[in-house]
PDB file of N, CA and C in Angstrom:
ATOM      1  N   MET A   1      12.433  20.557 -16.262  1.00  0.00           N
ATOM      2  CA  MET A   1      12.389  19.506 -16.957  1.00  0.00           C
ATOM      3  C   MET A   1      10.501  18.786 -16.837  1.00  0.00           C
ATOM      4  N   SER A   2       9.781  18.207 -17.808  1.00  0.00           N
ATOM      5  CA  SER A   2       9.246  17.186 -17.834  1.00  0.00           C
ATOM      6  C   SER A   2       9.230  16.173 -17.329  1.00  0.00           C
ATOM      7  N   VAL A   3       8.775  14.664 -17.234  1.00  0.00           N
ATOM      8  CA  VAL A   3       8.621  13.498 -17.023  1.00  0.00           C
ATOM      9  C   VAL A   3       8.646  13.001 -18.240  1.00  0.00           C
ATOM     10  N   ALA A   4       8.016  13.425 -19.348  1.00  0.00           N
ATOM     11  CA  ALA A   4       7.782  13.130 -20.737  1.00  0.00           C
ATOM     12  C   ALA A   4       9.509  12.690 -21.243  1.00  0.00           C
ATOM     13  N   TRP A   5       9.359  14.905 -20.764  1.00  0.00           N
ATOM     14  CA  TRP A   5      11.262  14.505 -21.486  1.00  0.00           C
ATOM     15  C   TRP A   5      12.445  13.725 -20.950  1.00  0.00           C
ATOM     16  N   LEU A   6      12.708  14.240 -19.697  1.00  0.00           N
ATOM     17  CA  LEU A   6      12.700  12.767 -18.600  1.00  0.00           C
ATOM     18  C   LEU A   6      12.727  11.378 -19.257  1.00  0.00           C
ATOM     19  N   LYS A   7      12.019  11.168 -19.220  1.00  0.00           N
ATOM     20  CA  LYS A   7      11.810  10.170 -19.916  1.00  0.00           C
ATOM     21  C   LYS A   7      12.833   9.766 -21.810  1.00  0.00           C
ATOM     22  N   ARG A   8      11.681  10.261 -22.311  1.00  0.00           N
ATOM     23  CA  ARG A   8      12.918  10.379 -24.154  1.00  0.00           C
ATOM     24  C   ARG A   8      14.392   9.759 -23.379  1.00  0.00           C
ATOM     25  N   LEU A   9      14.698  10.703 -22.404  1.00  0.00           N
ATOM     26  CA  LEU A   9      15.835  11.123 -22.712  1.00  0.00           C
ATOM     27  C   LEU A   9      16.714   9.875 -21.722  1.00  0.00           C
ATOM     28  N   GLY A  10      16.239   9.154 -21.576  1.00  0.00           N
ATOM     29  CA  GLY A  10      15.876   7.171 -20.716  1.00  0.00           C
ATOM     30  C   GLY A  10      16.106   7.598 -19.662  1.00  0.00           C
ATOM     31  N   PHE A  11      15.363   8.120 -19.264  1.00  0.00           N
ATOM     32  CA  PHE A  11      16.124   7.782 -17.439  1.00  0.00           C
ATOM     33  C   PHE A  11      14.980   7.208 -17.079  1.00  0.00           C
ATOM     34  N   GLN A  12      14.929   6.096 -15.569  1.00  0.00           N
ATOM     35  CA  GLN A  12      13.405   5.925 -15.781  1.00  0.00           C
ATOM     36  C   GLN A  12      13.171   7.207 -14.334  1.00  0.00           C
ATOM     37  N   VAL A  13      11.311   7.845 -14.354  1.00  0.00           N
ATOM     38  CA  VAL A  13      11.035   8.224 -13.595  1.00  0.00           C
ATOM     39  C   VAL A  13      10.378   7.571 -12.311  1.00  0.00           C
ATOM     40  N   LYS A  14      10.515   7.974 -10.757  1.00  0.00           N
ATOM     41  CA  LYS A  14       9.641   6.901  -9.682  1.00  0.00           C
ATOM     42  C   LYS A  14       8.712   8.324  -9.286  1.00  0.00           C
ATOM     43  N   ALA A  15       7.404   7.665  -8.575  1.00  0.00           N
ATOM     44  CA  ALA A  15       6.560   7.822  -8.436  1.00  0.00           C
ATOM     45  C   ALA A  15       7.177   8.357  -6.337  1.00  0.00           C
ATOM     46  N   LEU A  16       7.261   9.214  -6.426  1.00  0.00           N
ATOM     47  CA  LEU A  16       7.279  10.657  -4.755  1.00  0.00           C
ATOM     48  C   LEU A  16       7.426   9.646  -3.639  1.00  0.00           C
ATOM     49  N   LYS A  17       5.147   9.636  -4.593  1.00  0.00           N
ATOM     50  CA  LYS A  17       3.475   9.429  -3.310  1.00  0.00           C
ATOM     51  C   LYS A  17       3.621   7.863  -4.183  1.00  0.00           C
ATOM     52  N   ASP A  18       2.967   7.210  -2.867  1.00  0.00           N
ATOM     53  CA  ASP A  18       2.276   6.024  -3.836  1.00  0.00           C
ATOM     54  C   ASP A  18       1.369   6.642  -4.299  1.00  0.00           C
ATOM     55  N   PRO A  19       0.595   5.496  -5.461  1.00  0.00           N
ATOM     56  CA  PRO A  19      -0.566   4.960  -6.279  1.00  0.00           C
ATOM     57  C   PRO A  19      -1.915   5.309  -4.744  1.00  0.00           C
ATOM     58  N   GLU A  20      -3.015   5.986  -5.611  1.00  0.00           N
ATOM     59  CA  GLU A  20      -3.854   5.265  -3.946  1.00  0.00           C
ATOM     60  C   GLU A  20      -4.743   3.857  -3.608  1.00  0.00           C
ATOM     61  N   TRP A  21      -5.382   3.633  -2.783  1.00  0.00           N
ATOM     62  CA  TRP A  21      -5.318   2.110  -2.457  1.00  0.00           C
ATOM     63  C   TRP A  21      -6.846   1.779  -3.088  1.00  0.00           C
ATOM     64  N   ALA A  22      -6.125   0.909  -4.375  1.00  0.00           N
ATOM     65  CA  ALA A  22      -7.106   0.289  -4.950  1.00  0.00           C
ATOM     66  C   ALA A  22      -7.831  -0.724  -4.138  1.00  0.00           C
ATOM     67  N   ARG A  23      -8.708  -0.262  -4.919  1.00  0.00           N
ATOM     68  CA  ARG A  23     -10.440  -1.327  -3.754  1.00  0.00           C
ATOM     69  C   ARG A  23     -10.241  -2.280  -3.488  1.00  0.00           C
ATOM     70  N   ASP A  24      -9.810  -4.056  -4.127  1.00  0.00           N
ATOM     71  CA  ASP A  24      -9.378  -4.843  -3.303  1.00  0.00           C
ATOM     72  C   ASP A  24      -8.119  -5.017  -2.652  1.00  0.00           C
ATOM     73  N   ALA A  25      -7.326  -4.294  -3.020  1.00  0.00           N
ATOM     74  CA  ALA A  25      -6.866  -3.850  -1.452  1.00  0.00           C
ATOM     75  C   ALA A  25      -6.995  -3.326   0.221  1.00  0.00           C
ATOM     76  N   ILE A  26      -8.135  -2.374  -0.074  1.00  0.00           N
ATOM     77  CA  ILE A  26      -8.582  -1.473   0.651  1.00  0.00           C
ATOM     78  C   ILE A  26      -9.663  -3.524   1.294  1.00  0.00           C
ATOM     79  N   ILE A  27     -10.170  -3.913  -0.091  1.00  0.00           N
ATOM     80  CA  ILE A  27     -10.917  -5.417   0.788  1.00  0.00           C
ATOM     81  C   ILE A  27     -10.208  -5.747   2.327  1.00  0.00           C
ATOM     82  N   LEU A  28      -8.984  -5.927   1.414  1.00  0.00           N
ATOM     83  CA  LEU A  28      -7.765  -7.132   1.595  1.00  0.00           C
ATOM     84  C   LEU A  28      -7.964  -7.195   3.293  1.00  0.00           C
ATOM     85  N   VAL A  29      -7.491  -5.322   3.200  1.00  0.00           N
ATOM     86  CA  VAL A  29      -7.298  -4.297   4.935  1.00  0.00           C
ATOM     87  C   VAL A  29      -8.286  -4.767   5.593  1.00  0.00           C
ATOM     88  N   CYS A  30      -9.634  -4.770   5.090  1.00  0.00           N
ATOM     89  CA  CYS A  30     -10.908  -4.686   6.295  1.00  0.00           C
ATOM     90  C   CYS A  30     -11.361  -6.234   6.400  1.00  0.00           C
ATOM     91  N   GLN A  31     -10.460  -7.137   6.133  1.00  0.00           N
ATOM     92  CA  GLN A  31     -10.342  -8.471   6.641  1.00  0.00           C
ATOM     93  C   GLN A  31      -9.823  -8.378   7.767  1.00  0.00           C
ATOM     94  N   LEU A  32      -8.409  -7.852   7.032  1.00  0.00           N
ATOM     95  CA  LEU A  32      -7.447  -7.815   8.135  1.00  0.00           C
ATOM     96  C   LEU A  32      -7.786  -7.753   9.457  1.00  0.00           C
ATOM     97  N   VAL A  33      -8.389  -6.262   9.054  1.00  0.00           N
ATOM     98  CA  VAL A  33      -8.995  -6.088  10.711  1.00  0.00           C
ATOM     99  C   VAL A  33     -10.408  -5.396  11.080  1.00  0.00           C
ATOM    100  N   ILE A  34     -10.993  -6.462  10.133  1.00  0.00           N
ATOM    101  CA  ILE A  34     -12.856  -7.968  11.329  1.00  0.00           C
ATOM    102  C   ILE A  34     -11.827  -8.562  11.369  1.00  0.00           C
ATOM    103  N   ASP A  35     -11.066  -9.687  11.058  1.00  0.00           N
ATOM    104  CA  ASP A  35     -10.650 -10.931  12.063  1.00  0.00           C
ATOM    105  C   ASP A  35     -10.166 -10.397  13.588  1.00  0.00           C
ATOM    106  N   ASN A  36      -9.174  -8.955  13.481  1.00  0.00           N
ATOM    107  CA  ASN A  36      -8.759  -9.194  14.379  1.00  0.00           C
ATOM    108  C   ASN A  36      -9.363  -8.170  15.134  1.00  0.00           C
ATOM    109  N   GLY A  37     -10.918  -8.357  15.454  1.00  0.00           N
ATOM    110  CA  GLY A  37     -11.759  -7.616  16.025  1.00  0.00           C
ATOM    111  C   GLY A  37     -12.156  -5.537  16.550  1.00  0.00           C
ATOM    112  N   TRP A  38     -12.175  -5.674  14.554  1.00  0.00           N
ATOM    113  CA  TRP A  38     -12.027  -4.166  14.000  1.00  0.00           C
ATOM    114  C   TRP A  38     -10.496  -3.096  14.832  1.00  0.00           C
ATOM    115  N   LYS A  39      -9.893  -3.791  15.449  1.00  0.00           N
ATOM    116  CA  LYS A  39      -8.662  -3.055  16.030  1.00  0.00           C
ATOM    117  C   LYS A  39      -7.956  -2.990  15.430  1.00  0.00           C
ATOM    118  N   GLY A  40      -6.487  -1.648  15.282  1.00  0.00           N
ATOM    119  CA  GLY A  40      -5.173  -2.148  14.563  1.00  0.00           C
ATOM    120  C   GLY A  40      -4.907  -2.608  15.207  1.00  0.00           C
ATOM    121  N   LEU A  41      -3.880  -2.899  13.668  1.00  0.00           N
ATOM    122  CA  LEU A  41      -2.625  -3.866  13.581  1.00  0.00           C
ATOM    123  C   LEU A  41      -1.387  -2.841  13.589  1.00  0.00           C
ATOM    124  N   ASN A  42       0.086  -3.174  14.112  1.00  0.00           N
ATOM    125  CA  ASN A  42       0.842  -2.807  14.615  1.00  0.00           C
ATOM    126  C   ASN A  42       1.818  -2.871  13.257  1.00  0.00           C
ATOM    127  N   ALA A  43       3.066  -2.233  12.824  1.00  0.00           N
ATOM    128  CA  ALA A  43       3.754  -3.047  11.926  1.00  0.00           C
ATOM    129  C   ALA A  43       4.253  -4.343  11.083  1.00  0.00           C
ATOM    130  N   SER A  44       4.754  -4.169  12.875  1.00  0.00           N
ATOM    131  CA  SER A  44       5.122  -5.808  13.281  1.00  0.00           C
ATOM    132  C   SER A  44       4.886  -7.103  12.965  1.00  0.00           C
ATOM    133  N   ASP A  45       3.229  -7.120  13.158  1.00  0.00           N
ATOM    134  CA  ASP A  45       2.794  -7.887  12.579  1.00  0.00           C
ATOM    135  C   ASP A  45       2.621  -8.574  11.659  1.00  0.00           C
ATOM    136  N   TYR A  46       2.985  -9.733  12.349  1.00  0.00           N
ATOM    137  CA  TYR A  46       3.034 -10.874  10.675  1.00  0.00           C
ATOM    138  C   TYR A  46       2.203 -10.737   9.766  1.00  0.00           C
ATOM    139  N   ARG A  47       0.965 -11.264  10.514  1.00  0.00           N
ATOM    140  CA  ARG A  47      -0.731 -11.060   9.675  1.00  0.00           C
ATOM    141  C   ARG A  47      -0.075  -9.266   8.366  1.00  0.00           C
ATOM    142  N   VAL A  48       0.205  -8.281   9.265  1.00  0.00           N
ATOM    143  CA  VAL A  48       0.397  -7.269   8.193  1.00  0.00           C
ATOM    144  C   VAL A  48       1.778  -7.677   7.229  1.00  0.00           C
ATOM    145  N   VAL A  49       2.488  -7.439   7.475  1.00  0.00           N
ATOM    146  CA  VAL A  49       3.464  -7.630   7.366  1.00  0.00           C
ATOM    147  C   VAL A  49       2.996  -8.877   6.197  1.00  0.00           C
ATOM    148  N   GLU A  50       2.714 -10.147   5.741  1.00  0.00           N
ATOM    149  CA  GLU A  50       2.348 -11.342   5.355  1.00  0.00           C
ATOM    150  C   GLU A  50       1.604  -9.897   4.359  1.00  0.00           C
ATOM    151  N   LEU A  51       1.001  -9.181   4.556  1.00  0.00           N
ATOM    152  CA  LEU A  51      -0.353  -8.857   3.646  1.00  0.00           C
ATOM    153  C   LEU A  51       0.338  -7.527   2.700  1.00  0.00           C
ATOM    154  N   SER A  52       1.664  -6.787   3.016  1.00  0.00           N
ATOM    155  CA  SER A  52       1.911  -6.061   2.946  1.00  0.00           C
ATOM    156  C   SER A  52       3.013  -6.468   1.686  1.00  0.00           C
ATOM    157  N   ASP A  53       3.253  -7.956   2.458  1.00  0.00           N
ATOM    158  CA  ASP A  53       4.194  -8.669   1.028  1.00  0.00           C
ATOM    159  C   ASP A  53       4.005  -8.819  -0.227  1.00  0.00           C
ATOM    160  N   LEU A  54       2.959 -10.202   0.409  1.00  0.00           N
ATOM    161  CA  LEU A  54       1.232  -9.818  -1.157  1.00  0.00           C
ATOM    162  C   LEU A  54       0.734  -8.334  -1.513  1.00  0.00           C
ATOM    163  N   LEU A  55       0.249  -7.764  -1.269  1.00  0.00           N
ATOM    164  CA  LEU A  55      -0.212  -6.412  -1.577  1.00  0.00           C
ATOM    165  C   LEU A  55       1.120  -5.378  -2.930  1.00  0.00           C
ATOM    166  N   ARG A  56       2.751  -5.556  -2.597  1.00  0.00           N
ATOM    167  CA  ARG A  56       3.876  -5.596  -3.134  1.00  0.00           C
ATOM    168  C   ARG A  56       3.589  -5.962  -4.679  1.00  0.00           C
ATOM    169  N   LEU A  57       3.313  -7.598  -4.452  1.00  0.00           N
ATOM    170  CA  LEU A  57       3.213  -8.602  -5.087  1.00  0.00           C
ATOM    171  C   LEU A  57       2.095  -8.248  -6.284  1.00  0.00           C
ATOM    172  N   MET A  58       1.086  -7.478  -5.529  1.00  0.00           N
ATOM    173  CA  MET A  58      -0.048  -7.009  -6.718  1.00  0.00           C
ATOM    174  C   MET A  58       0.210  -7.081  -7.773  1.00  0.00           C
ATOM    175  N   PRO A  59      -0.083  -6.744  -9.104  1.00  0.00           N
ATOM    176  CA  PRO A  59       0.062  -6.234 -10.572  1.00  0.00           C
ATOM    177  C   PRO A  59      -0.980  -4.869 -10.546  1.00  0.00           C
ATOM    178  N   ILE A  60      -1.916  -4.344  -9.224  1.00  0.00           N
ATOM    179  CA  ILE A  60      -2.435  -3.463 -10.180  1.00  0.00           C
ATOM    180  C   ILE A  60      -1.980  -1.791 -10.095  1.00  0.00           C
ATOM    181  N   HIS A  61      -0.773  -2.059  -9.694  1.00  0.00           N
ATOM    182  CA  HIS A  61       0.178  -0.239  -9.571  1.00  0.00           C
ATOM    183  C   HIS A  61       1.319  -1.092 -10.489  1.00  0.00           C
ATOM    184  N   ALA A  62       1.393  -0.306 -11.553  1.00  0.00           N
ATOM    185  CA  ALA A  62       2.334  -0.019 -12.452  1.00  0.00           C
ATOM    186  C   ALA A  62       3.685  -0.311 -12.102  1.00  0.00           C
ATOM    187  N   GLU A  63       4.695  -0.450 -12.105  1.00  0.00           N
ATOM    188  CA  GLU A  63       5.783  -0.296 -10.809  1.00  0.00           C
ATOM    189  C   GLU A  63       7.340   0.637 -11.481  1.00  0.00           C
ATOM    190  N   SER A  64       6.631   1.521 -12.711  1.00  0.00           N
ATOM    191  CA  SER A  64       7.186   2.877 -12.503  1.00  0.00           C
ATOM    192  C   SER A  64       6.028   3.449 -11.567  1.00  0.00           C
ATOM    193  N   GLY A  65       5.148   3.736 -11.080  1.00  0.00           N
ATOM    194  CA  GLY A  65       4.393   4.360  -9.984  1.00  0.00           C
ATOM    195  C   GLY A  65       4.882   4.392  -8.838  1.00  0.00           C
ATOM    196  N   ARG A  66       5.422   2.759  -7.897  1.00  0.00           N
ATOM    197  CA  ARG A  66       5.118   2.203  -7.276  1.00  0.00           C
ATOM    198  C   ARG A  66       7.192   2.991  -6.475  1.00  0.00           C
ATOM    199  N   ASN A  67       7.045   3.175  -5.077  1.00  0.00           N
ATOM    200  CA  ASN A  67       8.673   3.826  -4.762  1.00  0.00           C
ATOM    201  C   ASN A  67       8.708   2.891  -4.263  1.00  0.00           C
ATOM    202  N   GLU A  68      10.139   3.268  -3.513  1.00  0.00           N
ATOM    203  CA  GLU A  68      10.549   2.022  -2.073  1.00  0.00           C
ATOM    204  C   GLU A  68       9.588   1.769  -1.069  1.00  0.00           C
ATOM    205  N   GLU A  69       9.279   2.812  -0.117  1.00  0.00           N
ATOM    206  CA  GLU A  69       7.998   2.561   1.116  1.00  0.00           C
ATOM    207  C   GLU A  69       6.491   1.848   0.302  1.00  0.00           C
ATOM    208  N   PHE A  70       6.263   1.758  -1.486  1.00  0.00           N
ATOM    209  CA  PHE A  70       5.357   0.671  -1.879  1.00  0.00           C
ATOM    210  C   PHE A  70       4.840   0.424  -1.248  1.00  0.00           C
ATOM    211  N   ARG A  71       3.073   0.699  -0.144  1.00  0.00           N
ATOM    212  CA  ARG A  71       2.657  -0.871   0.452  1.00  0.00           C
ATOM    213  C   ARG A  71       3.834  -1.474   1.746  1.00  0.00           C
ATOM    214  N   ASN A  72       4.231  -1.272   1.417  1.00  0.00           N
ATOM    215  CA  ASN A  72       5.147  -1.411   3.347  1.00  0.00           C
ATOM    216  C   ASN A  72       4.604  -2.193   4.402  1.00  0.00           C
ATOM    217  N   ALA A  73       4.880  -2.466   5.541  1.00  0.00           N
ATOM    218  CA  ALA A  73       4.201  -3.155   6.808  1.00  0.00           C
ATOM    219  C   ALA A  73       3.633  -1.044   7.166  1.00  0.00           C
ATOM    220  N   HIS A  74       4.009  -0.566   7.502  1.00  0.00           N
ATOM    221  CA  HIS A  74       4.198   0.552   8.314  1.00  0.00           C
ATOM    222  C   HIS A  74       2.664   1.147   6.964  1.00  0.00           C
ATOM    223  N   GLY A  75       2.595   0.883   6.218  1.00  0.00           N
ATOM    224  CA  GLY A  75       1.879   1.423   4.948  1.00  0.00           C
ATOM    225  C   GLY A  75       0.244   0.910   5.370  1.00  0.00           C
ATOM    226  N   VAL A  76       0.146  -0.818   5.672  1.00  0.00           N
ATOM    227  CA  VAL A  76      -0.081  -1.508   6.137  1.00  0.00           C
ATOM    228  C   VAL A  76      -1.379  -0.616   6.782  1.00  0.00           C
ATOM    229  N   ALA A  77      -0.329  -0.783   8.138  1.00  0.00           N
ATOM    230  CA  ALA A  77      -0.979  -0.404   9.429  1.00  0.00           C
ATOM    231  C   ALA A  77      -1.312   0.365   9.292  1.00  0.00           C
ATOM    232  N   ARG A  78      -1.258   1.420   9.384  1.00  0.00           N
ATOM    233  CA  ARG A  78      -1.273   2.758   9.073  1.00  0.00           C
ATOM    234  C   ARG A  78      -2.973   2.545   7.969  1.00  0.00           C
ATOM    235  N   LYS A  79      -2.952   2.423   7.166  1.00  0.00           N
ATOM    236  CA  LYS A  79      -4.420   2.189   6.460  1.00  0.00           C
ATOM    237  C   LYS A  79      -5.268   0.619   7.979  1.00  0.00           C
ATOM    238  N   ALA A  80      -5.085  -0.376   8.063  1.00  0.00           N
ATOM    239  CA  ALA A  80      -5.442  -1.200   9.030  1.00  0.00           C
ATOM    240  C   ALA A  80      -6.684   0.084  10.418  1.00  0.00           C
ATOM    241  N   PHE A  81      -5.235   1.064  10.691  1.00  0.00           N
ATOM    242  CA  PHE A  81      -6.201   1.906  12.236  1.00  0.00           C
ATOM    243  C   PHE A  81      -6.903   3.105  11.946  1.00  0.00           C
ATOM    244  N   ASP A  82      -6.714   3.259  10.474  1.00  0.00           N
ATOM    245  CA  ASP A  82      -8.062   3.779   9.710  1.00  0.00           C
ATOM    246  C   ASP A  82      -9.080   3.082  10.082  1.00  0.00           C
ATOM    247  N   ILE A  83      -9.113   2.275   8.791  1.00  0.00           N
ATOM    248  CA  ILE A  83     -10.432   1.440   8.704  1.00  0.00           C
ATOM    249  C   ILE A  83     -10.761   1.435   9.581  1.00  0.00           C
ATOM    250  N   ALA A  84     -10.057   0.650  11.125  1.00  0.00           N
ATOM    251  CA  ALA A  84     -10.874   0.879  12.614  1.00  0.00           C
ATOM    252  C   ALA A  84     -11.293   2.038  13.665  1.00  0.00           C
ATOM    253  N   THR A  85     -10.523   3.039  13.492  1.00  0.00           N
ATOM    254  CA  THR A  85     -11.552   3.816  13.744  1.00  0.00           C
ATOM    255  C   THR A  85     -11.944   4.747  13.460  1.00  0.00           C
ATOM    256  N   ARG A  86     -12.579   4.359  12.190  1.00  0.00           N
ATOM    257  CA  ARG A  86     -14.072   4.860  11.476  1.00  0.00           C
ATOM    258  C   ARG A  86     -15.369   4.246  11.586  1.00  0.00           C
ATOM    259  N   HIS A  87     -15.185   2.917  12.482  1.00  0.00           N
ATOM    260  CA  HIS A  87     -15.236   1.866  12.377  1.00  0.00           C
ATOM    261  C   HIS A  87     -16.721   2.081  13.591  1.00  0.00           C
ATOM    262  N   PRO A  88     -18.031   1.869  13.088  1.00  0.00           N
ATOM    263  CA  PRO A  88     -19.428   3.075  13.861  1.00  0.00           C
ATOM    264  C   PRO A  88     -19.087   2.013  15.266  1.00  0.00           C
TER     265      PRO A  88
END
């Protein structure tokens, strides 16, 4: 069955995978990493939690393209570590 067919039948189809990171969101995570001395941050860090909350509120991606884990603290922390480890 196709997504379009299910939608025509009235089903709400949610994405299984998070959408790609938008430039604005990456800039915010970069600033967080810079402010942390180019070190990654844990998901429990209050700054990561606050940024996660902000990213979940931003209308960059449609609600239908998000899953329950969209830009959660673990995903933001992972992105922060990815950025930090690629810094020369």
